[in-house]
Each structure stands twice: as C-alpha cells, then as structure tokens.
Amino acid sequence: MNCACINKYLSEYVKLENPQYAVMLKGKWGCGKTYFIKQLIEKWTVESKSEEQIELQPIYISLNGVSSCSAISFLIKRALYPILYSKGAQVAKKVICGTITAFSKSLIDLNNDGYIDDLSSIFDTEVILDILSKPNSSVSGNKILIFDDLERAKLATDELFGYINNLVEHSGCKVIIVCEEDKLKLLCNQPDSKIKYDEFKEKLIGKTISFEHDLYTIVKSMVDNSDNRHLQSNSDLIATLFIASEVQNLRIIKQLISDFKILLTEIDQSKYDSNLFDKFIQN
C-alpha cells in the first residue's frame, strides 16, 4: 500500500470509537516507516480546546531494548505526564484523584493553597494509566498508541502481546504496531516461545499494511527539512542519486545530512567565489 492509502486508512482507523483490533505497519529496517508514522503523529496532534478537559495526544513508544511490561508502562506514563502540568492540570488532578485512595486525596492540593507542587510523588504509573483505561468526561481526544521496533523488545513475546492486547481489548485504545514482520515471526516461533506468531496475529491484528514508500518524495522531504540551503537546493539530485543506488535505507540520508553539515564547518567559504562555491558544493 502506498503512503497516501496508508495515510487515509490509518486516519480513519484512529477515529473509530472502540475498534478492538490493532493495525500492523510492516516494512524492512530503514525503509522509512518510522519517519512516515511520526509525520502522521504530527498531523494527529491537536491543541487543547479547553482548560476544562485533558486532550489526549498520540503516544509513540519504541520498544527497542525494553525488557519488561513495567518499563512499557513507564514509557507511556512519561508520555502522559506533561498533561499534569498543562493548562488543564487542575482537571488532570481531579480525574486521577477519582482512581486513588482517600488517604492520597487528602495529600492533593485541590484548593490551590500551594502545598503540593510535585505530583510525581503521588501518582504512580498505574494511576497515570487509568487515564487511558477508564472512561471520563473530562478526557477527550483519541487514545492512540504507536509501538515501534516490536521485534527488538527484550521481554517474552507472550507478555508483550498480552500487554498490548489488554490496551486494545479492555481500554479501547487504537494501537498501531510498526515492525519488521519477518524478524518478529522468527522471534515468536522460537522453541521456547509460549505463543506462536499465527496465534498472536489472529487474536490481535485486524489489518496488516505493507509499507510501500515513495522513496523520491520521502528523501526529498527529508532533505528539504534539513535546514541547509546547499542540501535543499540539490534535493532533487540527492533523491535521484539515492534511488539509483538501490540501497533504500533512509538512515543513510540522515547520516548524509549530519556529515555534510559537519563538513561545511571545516570549509572557509570566504575564500571562494560564491557562484563557484555553490557548484563545488553540488559536486
């Protein structure tokens, strides 16, 4: 599926009230699927319309190296945490207070008398996650979670799938899994694995999308956003050369942008005729 079709499908998926299934976006390492999904996240991120409500934003989590479910919870908590200090912080307190003990409530400054400033000592990870798991009229926005690098997680696959399935099935979250499916399948089908890949996919994944990227457009976009006029003025050339190389790993473009900027700092441009210098840089 090309980028335009993926964009359209995922944008409709995240609007569903309670889909009860996750979507898998699969593609080879370095093909640009993470870059693509992060652009979509920017599109889905909205400004809070009211100080009386918490506006949920898409949550992106890389599972690379993550070794426990509690670590995933911590990463989600870290993504949610800024709302406690947003314009609707008082609303956030009231929402979360509904899920904790009476003793804890007595410690919270709901009357603005200035005694409680740091909420981190009160709200643990599970309490923060209640914002995702329990319906509340003071919480608006789509509950979107994107889990990237699933095949690079270090915890048992059955634990990982169980954790994600809970978010989909019981919390009504829209979950997008970004991964290299062949490697994930290999990981699941190890002799000691408690769940086989086909079982996981049948239970959790409702739609699998193969990421077919428009290399030229993506490379040109990355170069155009490089904040460097020499790269920007040659973005067509760079995209054409990259496609001709048949490598198709977009991390090379990121390296190019970084290395090129460093190279420029080593050249004294004042010693060159400006027109000739631009031609020299192009070469």
C-alpha atoms as a PDB file:
ATOM      1  CA  MET A   1       0.000   0.000   0.000  1.00  0.00           C
ATOM      2  CA  ASN A   2       1.414   3.418  -0.899  1.00  0.00           C
ATOM      3  CA  CYS A   3       1.807   6.309   1.546  1.00  0.00           C
ATOM      4  CA  ALA A   4      -1.385   8.125   0.506  1.00  0.00           C
ATOM      5  CA  CYS A   5      -3.519   4.987   1.010  1.00  0.00           C
ATOM      6  CA  ILE A   6      -1.846   4.180   4.343  1.00  0.00           C
ATOM      7  CA  ASN A   7      -2.409   7.759   5.491  1.00  0.00           C
ATOM      8  CA  LYS A   8      -6.089   7.541   4.591  1.00  0.00           C
ATOM      9  CA  TYR A   9      -6.621   4.135   6.212  1.00  0.00           C
ATOM     10  CA  LEU A  10      -4.847   4.963   9.498  1.00  0.00           C
ATOM     11  CA  SER A  11      -6.540   8.354   9.764  1.00  0.00           C
ATOM     12  CA  GLU A  12      -9.909   6.591   9.586  1.00  0.00           C
ATOM     13  CA  TYR A  13      -8.807   3.825  11.982  1.00  0.00           C
ATOM     14  CA  VAL A  14      -7.833   6.258  14.772  1.00  0.00           C
ATOM     15  CA  LYS A  15     -11.296   7.842  14.619  1.00  0.00           C
ATOM     16  CA  LEU A  16     -13.040   4.544  15.456  1.00  0.00           C
ATOM     17  CA  GLU A  17     -14.631   4.535  18.888  1.00  0.00           C
ATOM     18  CA  ASN A  18     -13.544   1.063  20.002  1.00  0.00           C
ATOM     19  CA  PRO A  19     -12.010  -0.942  17.132  1.00  0.00           C
ATOM     20  CA  GLN A  20     -10.991  -3.972  19.249  1.00  0.00           C
ATOM     21  CA  TYR A  21      -8.065  -4.714  16.941  1.00  0.00           C
ATOM     22  CA  ALA A  22      -4.589  -3.361  16.262  1.00  0.00           C
ATOM     23  CA  VAL A  23      -3.085  -2.419  12.910  1.00  0.00           C
ATOM     24  CA  MET A  24       0.365  -3.617  11.848  1.00  0.00           C
ATOM     25  CA  LEU A  25       2.528  -1.455   9.606  1.00  0.00           C
ATOM     26  CA  LYS A  26       5.327  -3.689   8.342  1.00  0.00           C
ATOM     27  CA  GLY A  27       8.451  -2.963   6.342  1.00  0.00           C
ATOM     28  CA  LYS A  28      12.193  -3.579   6.169  1.00  0.00           C
ATOM     29  CA  TRP A  29      14.554  -1.860   8.610  1.00  0.00           C
ATOM     30  CA  GLY A  30      15.387   1.651   7.445  1.00  0.00           C
ATOM     31  CA  CYS A  31      12.657   1.796   4.788  1.00  0.00           C
ATOM     32  CA  GLY A  32      11.085   4.947   6.229  1.00  0.00           C
ATOM     33  CA  LYS A  33       8.058   3.559   8.080  1.00  0.00           C
ATOM     34  CA  THR A  34       9.063   5.256  11.372  1.00  0.00           C
ATOM     35  CA  TYR A  35       9.634   8.567   9.587  1.00  0.00           C
ATOM     36  CA  PHE A  36       6.231   8.191   7.934  1.00  0.00           C
ATOM     37  CA  ILE A  37       4.379   7.360  11.165  1.00  0.00           C
ATOM     38  CA  LYS A  38       5.984  10.286  13.010  1.00  0.00           C
ATOM     39  CA  GLN A  39       4.723  12.637  10.322  1.00  0.00           C
ATOM     40  CA  LEU A  40       1.241  11.201  10.849  1.00  0.00           C
ATOM     41  CA  ILE A  41       1.584  11.727  14.617  1.00  0.00           C
ATOM     42  CA  GLU A  42       2.244  15.420  13.981  1.00  0.00           C
ATOM     43  CA  LYS A  43      -0.903  15.551  11.875  1.00  0.00           C
ATOM     44  CA  TRP A  44      -2.962  13.825  14.602  1.00  0.00           C
ATOM     45  CA  THR A  45      -1.638  16.042  17.403  1.00  0.00           C
ATOM     46  CA  VAL A  46      -4.163  18.743  18.268  1.00  0.00           C
ATOM     47  CA  GLU A  47      -4.159  21.711  20.592  1.00  0.00           C
ATOM     48  CA  SER A  48      -6.320  21.509  23.693  1.00  0.00           C
ATOM     49  CA  LYS A  49      -9.612  23.315  23.086  1.00  0.00           C
ATOM     50  CA  SER A  50     -10.451  23.840  26.726  1.00  0.00           C
ATOM     51  CA  GLU A  51      -8.827  24.215  30.123  1.00  0.00           C
ATOM     52  CA  GLU A  52     -11.651  22.084  31.478  1.00  0.00           C
ATOM     53  CA  GLN A  53     -10.557  18.960  29.627  1.00  0.00           C
ATOM     54  CA  ILE A  54      -7.479  16.811  29.155  1.00  0.00           C
ATOM     55  CA  GLU A  55      -6.744  16.466  25.433  1.00  0.00           C
ATOM     56  CA  LEU A  56      -5.009  13.140  24.789  1.00  0.00           C
ATOM     57  CA  GLN A  57      -2.263  13.148  22.164  1.00  0.00           C
ATOM     58  CA  PRO A  58      -0.849  10.203  20.162  1.00  0.00           C
ATOM     59  CA  ILE A  59       1.756   8.269  22.155  1.00  0.00           C
ATOM     60  CA  TYR A  60       4.804   6.899  20.330  1.00  0.00           C
ATOM     61  CA  ILE A  61       6.858   4.211  22.095  1.00  0.00           C
ATOM     62  CA  SER A  62       9.965   2.479  20.755  1.00  0.00           C
ATOM     63  CA  LEU A  63      10.245  -0.990  22.286  1.00  0.00           C
ATOM     64  CA  ASN A  64      13.876  -1.395  21.255  1.00  0.00           C
ATOM     65  CA  GLY A  65      15.674  -2.972  24.236  1.00  0.00           C
ATOM     66  CA  VAL A  66      12.623  -2.790  26.547  1.00  0.00           C
ATOM     67  CA  SER A  67      12.761  -5.791  28.889  1.00  0.00           C
ATOM     68  CA  SER A  68       9.566  -5.658  30.985  1.00  0.00           C
ATOM     69  CA  CYS A  69       5.922  -4.651  30.872  1.00  0.00           C
ATOM     70  CA  SER A  70       6.537  -2.208  33.723  1.00  0.00           C
ATOM     71  CA  ALA A  71       9.125  -0.489  31.517  1.00  0.00           C
ATOM     72  CA  ILE A  72       6.475  -0.064  28.796  1.00  0.00           C
ATOM     73  CA  SER A  73       4.098   1.385  31.406  1.00  0.00           C
ATOM     74  CA  PHE A  74       6.811   3.803  32.480  1.00  0.00           C
ATOM     75  CA  LEU A  75       7.345   4.973  28.891  1.00  0.00           C
ATOM     76  CA  ILE A  76       3.607   5.554  28.458  1.00  0.00           C
ATOM     77  CA  LYS A  77       3.493   7.364  31.799  1.00  0.00           C
ATOM     78  CA  ARG A  78       6.361   9.595  30.675  1.00  0.00           C
ATOM     79  CA  ALA A  79       4.426  10.474  27.527  1.00  0.00           C
ATOM     80  CA  LEU A  80       1.244  11.229  29.511  1.00  0.00           C
ATOM     81  CA  TYR A  81       2.964  13.057  32.351  1.00  0.00           C
ATOM     82  CA  PRO A  82       3.128  16.539  30.749  1.00  0.00           C
ATOM     83  CA  ILE A  83      -0.667  16.848  30.948  1.00  0.00           C
ATOM     84  CA  LEU A  84      -0.333  17.136  34.712  1.00  0.00           C
ATOM     85  CA  TYR A  85       1.438  20.442  34.174  1.00  0.00           C
ATOM     86  CA  SER A  86      -0.588  21.618  31.189  1.00  0.00           C
ATOM     87  CA  LYS A  87      -3.326  24.252  31.109  1.00  0.00           C
ATOM     88  CA  GLY A  88      -5.733  21.592  32.347  1.00  0.00           C
ATOM     89  CA  ALA A  89      -3.558  20.443  35.238  1.00  0.00           C
ATOM     90  CA  GLN A  90      -6.305  21.025  37.790  1.00  0.00           C
ATOM     91  CA  VAL A  91      -8.654  18.884  35.701  1.00  0.00           C
ATOM     92  CA  ALA A  92      -5.971  16.191  35.475  1.00  0.00           C
ATOM     93  CA  LYS A  93      -5.718  16.132  39.264  1.00  0.00           C
ATOM     94  CA  LYS A  94      -9.462  15.694  39.656  1.00  0.00           C
ATOM     95  CA  VAL A  95      -9.601  12.951  37.024  1.00  0.00           C
ATOM     96  CA  ILE A  96      -6.780  10.983  38.589  1.00  0.00           C
ATOM     97  CA  CYS A  97      -7.983  11.587  42.139  1.00  0.00           C
ATOM     98  CA  GLY A  98     -11.063   9.557  41.284  1.00  0.00           C
ATOM     99  CA  THR A  99      -8.863   6.472  40.949  1.00  0.00           C
ATOM    100  CA  ILE A 100      -6.694   6.680  44.078  1.00  0.00           C
ATOM    101  CA  THR A 101      -7.203   6.116  47.801  1.00  0.00           C
ATOM    102  CA  ALA A 102      -8.910   8.564  50.164  1.00  0.00           C
ATOM    103  CA  PHE A 103      -5.624   8.981  52.026  1.00  0.00           C
ATOM    104  CA  SER A 104      -3.871  10.066  48.820  1.00  0.00           C
ATOM    105  CA  LYS A 105      -6.693  12.502  48.071  1.00  0.00           C
ATOM    106  CA  SER A 106      -6.067  14.253  51.343  1.00  0.00           C
ATOM    107  CA  LEU A 107      -2.500  14.969  50.197  1.00  0.00           C
ATOM    108  CA  ILE A 108      -3.514  16.719  46.987  1.00  0.00           C
ATOM    109  CA  ASP A 109      -3.882  20.456  46.790  1.00  0.00           C
ATOM    110  CA  LEU A 110      -7.222  20.746  45.017  1.00  0.00           C
ATOM    111  CA  ASN A 111      -7.924  24.085  46.683  1.00  0.00           C
ATOM    112  CA  ASN A 112      -4.850  25.850  45.313  1.00  0.00           C
ATOM    113  CA  ASP A 113      -3.363  26.535  48.764  1.00  0.00           C
ATOM    114  CA  GLY A 114       0.131  25.895  47.394  1.00  0.00           C
ATOM    115  CA  TYR A 115       1.234  22.895  49.467  1.00  0.00           C
ATOM    116  CA  ILE A 116       1.502  20.275  46.742  1.00  0.00           C
ATOM    117  CA  ASP A 117       3.538  21.172  43.678  1.00  0.00           C
ATOM    118  CA  ASP A 118       5.261  17.971  42.586  1.00  0.00           C
ATOM    119  CA  LEU A 119       2.652  15.391  41.574  1.00  0.00           C
ATOM    120  CA  SER A 120       5.280  12.729  40.809  1.00  0.00           C
ATOM    121  CA  SER A 121       5.397  11.706  44.486  1.00  0.00           C
ATOM    122  CA  ILE A 122       1.660  10.968  44.452  1.00  0.00           C
ATOM    123  CA  PHE A 123       0.751   9.497  41.086  1.00  0.00           C
ATOM    124  CA  ASP A 124       2.310   6.130  40.337  1.00  0.00           C
ATOM    125  CA  THR A 125       2.464   4.541  36.891  1.00  0.00           C
ATOM    126  CA  GLU A 126      -0.765   2.555  37.210  1.00  0.00           C
ATOM    127  CA  VAL A 127      -2.735   5.605  38.321  1.00  0.00           C
ATOM    128  CA  ILE A 128      -1.491   7.623  35.344  1.00  0.00           C
ATOM    129  CA  LEU A 129      -2.500   4.775  33.010  1.00  0.00           C
ATOM    130  CA  ASP A 130      -6.067   4.982  34.337  1.00  0.00           C
ATOM    131  CA  ILE A 131      -6.467   7.997  32.038  1.00  0.00           C
ATOM    132  CA  LEU A 132      -6.239   5.527  29.145  1.00  0.00           C
ATOM    133  CA  SER A 133      -8.169   2.655  30.669  1.00  0.00           C
ATOM    134  CA  LYS A 134     -11.183   4.330  32.335  1.00  0.00           C
ATOM    135  CA  PRO A 135     -13.822   6.454  30.571  1.00  0.00           C
ATOM    136  CA  ASN A 136     -14.065  10.026  31.874  1.00  0.00           C
ATOM    137  CA  SER A 137     -15.976  13.029  30.585  1.00  0.00           C
ATOM    138  CA  SER A 138     -13.011  15.280  31.370  1.00  0.00           C
ATOM    139  CA  VAL A 139     -10.721  13.371  28.993  1.00  0.00           C
ATOM    140  CA  SER A 140     -11.091  13.967  25.247  1.00  0.00           C
ATOM    141  CA  GLY A 141      -9.088  13.038  22.162  1.00  0.00           C
ATOM    142  CA  ASN A 142      -8.264   9.687  20.617  1.00  0.00           C
ATOM    143  CA  LYS A 143      -6.380   7.074  22.641  1.00  0.00           C
ATOM    144  CA  ILE A 144      -3.705   6.343  20.043  1.00  0.00           C
ATOM    145  CA  LEU A 145      -0.616   4.275  20.886  1.00  0.00           C
ATOM    146  CA  ILE A 146       2.108   3.516  18.365  1.00  0.00           C
ATOM    147  CA  PHE A 147       4.520   0.714  19.299  1.00  0.00           C
ATOM    148  CA  ASP A 148       7.646   0.678  17.131  1.00  0.00           C
ATOM    149  CA  ASP A 149      10.524  -1.862  16.975  1.00  0.00           C
ATOM    150  CA  LEU A 150       8.384  -4.690  18.373  1.00  0.00           C
ATOM    151  CA  GLU A 151      10.874  -7.274  17.096  1.00  0.00           C
ATOM    152  CA  ARG A 152      13.686  -5.614  19.113  1.00  0.00           C
ATOM    153  CA  ALA A 153      11.971  -5.857  22.518  1.00  0.00           C
ATOM    154  CA  LYS A 154      13.802  -7.961  25.110  1.00  0.00           C
ATOM    155  CA  LEU A 155      10.811  -9.337  27.031  1.00  0.00           C
ATOM    156  CA  ALA A 156       8.939 -12.596  26.427  1.00  0.00           C
ATOM    157  CA  THR A 157       6.649 -12.350  23.407  1.00  0.00           C
ATOM    158  CA  ASP A 158       3.598 -13.700  25.273  1.00  0.00           C
ATOM    159  CA  GLU A 159       3.965 -10.961  27.924  1.00  0.00           C
ATOM    160  CA  LEU A 160       4.397  -8.290  25.290  1.00  0.00           C
ATOM    161  CA  PHE A 161       1.395  -9.406  23.248  1.00  0.00           C
ATOM    162  CA  GLY A 162      -0.725  -9.770  26.385  1.00  0.00           C
ATOM    163  CA  TYR A 163       0.122  -6.223  27.429  1.00  0.00           C
ATOM    164  CA  ILE A 164      -0.765  -4.749  24.032  1.00  0.00           C
ATOM    165  CA  ASN A 165      -3.897  -6.883  23.754  1.00  0.00           C
ATOM    166  CA  ASN A 166      -5.118  -5.521  27.097  1.00  0.00           C
ATOM    167  CA  LEU A 167      -4.856  -1.955  25.768  1.00  0.00           C
ATOM    168  CA  VAL A 168      -6.788  -2.915  22.630  1.00  0.00           C
ATOM    169  CA  GLU A 169      -9.429  -5.180  24.153  1.00  0.00           C
ATOM    170  CA  HIS A 170     -10.110  -3.617  27.548  1.00  0.00           C
ATOM    171  CA  SER A 171      -9.034   0.026  27.244  1.00  0.00           C
ATOM    172  CA  GLY A 172     -10.449   0.732  23.778  1.00  0.00           C
ATOM    173  CA  CYS A 173      -7.113   2.072  22.536  1.00  0.00           C
ATOM    174  CA  LYS A 174      -6.193   2.393  18.879  1.00  0.00           C
ATOM    175  CA  VAL A 175      -2.864   0.589  18.608  1.00  0.00           C
ATOM    176  CA  ILE A 176      -0.530   0.728  15.625  1.00  0.00           C
ATOM    177  CA  ILE A 177       2.361  -1.739  15.603  1.00  0.00           C
ATOM    178  CA  VAL A 178       5.349  -0.763  13.457  1.00  0.00           C
ATOM    179  CA  CYS A 179       7.723  -3.642  12.829  1.00  0.00           C
ATOM    180  CA  GLU A 180       9.762  -5.831  10.513  1.00  0.00           C
ATOM    181  CA  GLU A 181       7.347  -8.758  10.371  1.00  0.00           C
ATOM    182  CA  ASP A 182       9.782 -11.457   9.221  1.00  0.00           C
ATOM    183  CA  LYS A 183      12.015 -10.876  12.259  1.00  0.00           C
ATOM    184  CA  LEU A 184       9.007 -10.744  14.599  1.00  0.00           C
ATOM    185  CA  LYS A 185       7.756 -14.036  13.193  1.00  0.00           C
ATOM    186  CA  LEU A 186      11.201 -15.603  13.718  1.00  0.00           C
ATOM    187  CA  LEU A 187      11.221 -14.401  17.328  1.00  0.00           C
ATOM    188  CA  CYS A 188       7.752 -15.820  18.043  1.00  0.00           C
ATOM    189  CA  ASN A 189       8.482 -19.197  16.521  1.00  0.00           C
ATOM    190  CA  GLN A 190      11.465 -19.987  18.734  1.00  0.00           C
ATOM    191  CA  PRO A 191      11.131 -23.383  20.528  1.00  0.00           C
ATOM    192  CA  ASP A 192      10.810 -21.719  23.975  1.00  0.00           C
ATOM    193  CA  SER A 193       8.168 -19.192  22.871  1.00  0.00           C
ATOM    194  CA  LYS A 194       4.836 -19.607  24.684  1.00  0.00           C
ATOM    195  CA  ILE A 195       2.815 -18.102  21.852  1.00  0.00           C
ATOM    196  CA  LYS A 196       3.209 -18.737  18.146  1.00  0.00           C
ATOM    197  CA  TYR A 197       3.091 -15.951  15.614  1.00  0.00           C
ATOM    198  CA  ASP A 198      -0.122 -17.078  13.925  1.00  0.00           C
ATOM    199  CA  GLU A 199      -1.919 -17.138  17.301  1.00  0.00           C
ATOM    200  CA  PHE A 200      -0.719 -13.624  18.144  1.00  0.00           C
ATOM    201  CA  LYS A 201      -1.702 -12.245  14.780  1.00  0.00           C
ATOM    202  CA  GLU A 202      -5.136 -13.865  14.713  1.00  0.00           C
ATOM    203  CA  LYS A 203      -6.005 -12.566  18.189  1.00  0.00           C
ATOM    204  CA  LEU A 204      -4.603  -9.037  17.996  1.00  0.00           C
ATOM    205  CA  ILE A 205      -4.033  -7.806  14.438  1.00  0.00           C
ATOM    206  CA  GLY A 206      -7.072  -6.827  12.390  1.00  0.00           C
ATOM    207  CA  LYS A 207      -5.213  -5.285   9.463  1.00  0.00           C
ATOM    208  CA  THR A 208      -1.667  -5.720   8.152  1.00  0.00           C
ATOM    209  CA  ILE A 209      -0.294  -2.989   5.903  1.00  0.00           C
ATOM    210  CA  SER A 210       2.860  -3.450   3.864  1.00  0.00           C
ATOM    211  CA  PHE A 211       4.702  -0.142   3.737  1.00  0.00           C
ATOM    212  CA  GLU A 212       5.445   0.735   0.137  1.00  0.00           C
ATOM    213  CA  HIS A 213       7.116   4.092   0.196  1.00  0.00           C
ATOM    214  CA  ASP A 214       7.605   6.748  -2.423  1.00  0.00           C
ATOM    215  CA  LEU A 215      11.373   6.959  -1.963  1.00  0.00           C
ATOM    216  CA  TYR A 216      11.776  10.055  -4.081  1.00  0.00           C
ATOM    217  CA  THR A 217       9.178  12.047  -2.118  1.00  0.00           C
ATOM    218  CA  ILE A 218      10.448  10.888   1.286  1.00  0.00           C
ATOM    219  CA  VAL A 219      14.121  11.580   0.542  1.00  0.00           C
ATOM    220  CA  LYS A 220      13.288  14.977  -0.961  1.00  0.00           C
ATOM    221  CA  SER A 221      11.176  15.832   2.092  1.00  0.00           C
ATOM    222  CA  MET A 222      13.971  14.863   4.496  1.00  0.00           C
ATOM    223  CA  VAL A 223      16.492  16.973   2.590  1.00  0.00           C
ATOM    224  CA  ASP A 224      14.081  19.898   2.245  1.00  0.00           C
ATOM    225  CA  ASN A 225      13.641  19.839   6.036  1.00  0.00           C
ATOM    226  CA  SER A 226      17.407  19.746   6.672  1.00  0.00           C
ATOM    227  CA  ASP A 227      17.655  23.495   7.361  1.00  0.00           C
ATOM    228  CA  ASN A 228      20.632  23.761   4.996  1.00  0.00           C
ATOM    229  CA  ARG A 229      20.359  25.742   1.767  1.00  0.00           C
ATOM    230  CA  HIS A 230      23.059  23.731  -0.061  1.00  0.00           C
ATOM    231  CA  LEU A 231      21.248  20.461   0.580  1.00  0.00           C
ATOM    232  CA  GLN A 232      17.836  21.991  -0.087  1.00  0.00           C
ATOM    233  CA  SER A 233      18.863  23.433  -3.442  1.00  0.00           C
ATOM    234  CA  ASN A 234      20.088  19.967  -4.520  1.00  0.00           C
ATOM    235  CA  SER A 235      17.269  17.881  -3.059  1.00  0.00           C
ATOM    236  CA  ASP A 236      16.166  16.579  -6.488  1.00  0.00           C
ATOM    237  CA  LEU A 237      19.720  15.459  -7.290  1.00  0.00           C
ATOM    238  CA  ILE A 238      20.167  13.785  -3.893  1.00  0.00           C
ATOM    239  CA  ALA A 239      16.852  11.916  -4.199  1.00  0.00           C
ATOM    240  CA  THR A 240      17.700  10.768  -7.747  1.00  0.00           C
ATOM    241  CA  LEU A 241      21.168   9.535  -6.749  1.00  0.00           C
ATOM    242  CA  PHE A 242      19.813   7.755  -3.690  1.00  0.00           C
ATOM    243  CA  ILE A 243      17.217   5.858  -5.731  1.00  0.00           C
ATOM    244  CA  ALA A 244      19.890   4.949  -8.307  1.00  0.00           C
ATOM    245  CA  SER A 245      21.985   3.424  -5.504  1.00  0.00           C
ATOM    246  CA  GLU A 246      19.209   0.852  -4.796  1.00  0.00           C
ATOM    247  CA  VAL A 247      20.169   0.808  -1.109  1.00  0.00           C
ATOM    248  CA  GLN A 248      16.769   2.045   0.166  1.00  0.00           C
ATOM    249  CA  ASN A 249      17.902   2.595   3.756  1.00  0.00           C
ATOM    250  CA  LEU A 250      16.762   6.087   4.703  1.00  0.00           C
ATOM    251  CA  ARG A 251      19.122   6.253   7.667  1.00  0.00           C
ATOM    252  CA  ILE A 252      21.851   6.892   5.092  1.00  0.00           C
ATOM    253  CA  ILE A 253      20.131  10.167   4.202  1.00  0.00           C
ATOM    254  CA  LYS A 254      20.093  11.166   7.872  1.00  0.00           C
ATOM    255  CA  GLN A 255      23.826  10.403   8.046  1.00  0.00           C
ATOM    256  CA  LEU A 256      24.410  12.390   4.857  1.00  0.00           C
ATOM    257  CA  ILE A 257      22.672  15.457   6.290  1.00  0.00           C
ATOM    258  CA  SER A 258      24.636  15.253   9.539  1.00  0.00           C
ATOM    259  CA  ASP A 259      28.025  14.571   7.892  1.00  0.00           C
ATOM    260  CA  PHE A 260      27.514  17.276   5.278  1.00  0.00           C
ATOM    261  CA  LYS A 261      26.810  19.925   7.910  1.00  0.00           C
ATOM    262  CA  ILE A 262      29.983  18.930   9.767  1.00  0.00           C
ATOM    263  CA  LEU A 263      31.984  19.062   6.516  1.00  0.00           C
ATOM    264  CA  LEU A 264      30.768  22.592   5.818  1.00  0.00           C
ATOM    265  CA  THR A 265      32.097  23.827   9.173  1.00  0.00           C
ATOM    266  CA  GLU A 266      35.609  22.808   8.014  1.00  0.00           C
ATOM    267  CA  ILE A 267      35.467  24.912   4.830  1.00  0.00           C
ATOM    268  CA  ASP A 268      36.224  28.639   4.813  1.00  0.00           C
ATOM    269  CA  GLN A 269      33.598  29.881   2.351  1.00  0.00           C
ATOM    270  CA  SER A 270      35.063  33.404   2.267  1.00  0.00           C
ATOM    271  CA  LYS A 271      37.957  32.108   0.137  1.00  0.00           C
ATOM    272  CA  TYR A 272      35.649  31.089  -2.705  1.00  0.00           C
ATOM    273  CA  ASP A 273      33.671  32.948  -5.309  1.00  0.00           C
ATOM    274  CA  SER A 274      30.033  32.431  -4.172  1.00  0.00           C
ATOM    275  CA  ASN A 275      28.819  31.071  -7.554  1.00  0.00           C
ATOM    276  CA  LEU A 276      31.775  28.734  -7.905  1.00  0.00           C
ATOM    277  CA  PHE A 277      31.420  27.624  -4.292  1.00  0.00           C
ATOM    278  CA  ASP A 278      27.805  26.518  -4.848  1.00  0.00           C
ATOM    279  CA  LYS A 279      28.904  24.489  -7.873  1.00  0.00           C
ATOM    280  CA  PHE A 280      31.776  22.998  -5.883  1.00  0.00           C
ATOM    281  CA  ILE A 281      29.386  22.005  -3.088  1.00  0.00           C
ATOM    282  CA  GLN A 282      26.999  20.449  -5.567  1.00  0.00           C
ATOM    283  CA  ASN A 283      29.776  18.238  -6.902  1.00  0.00           C
END
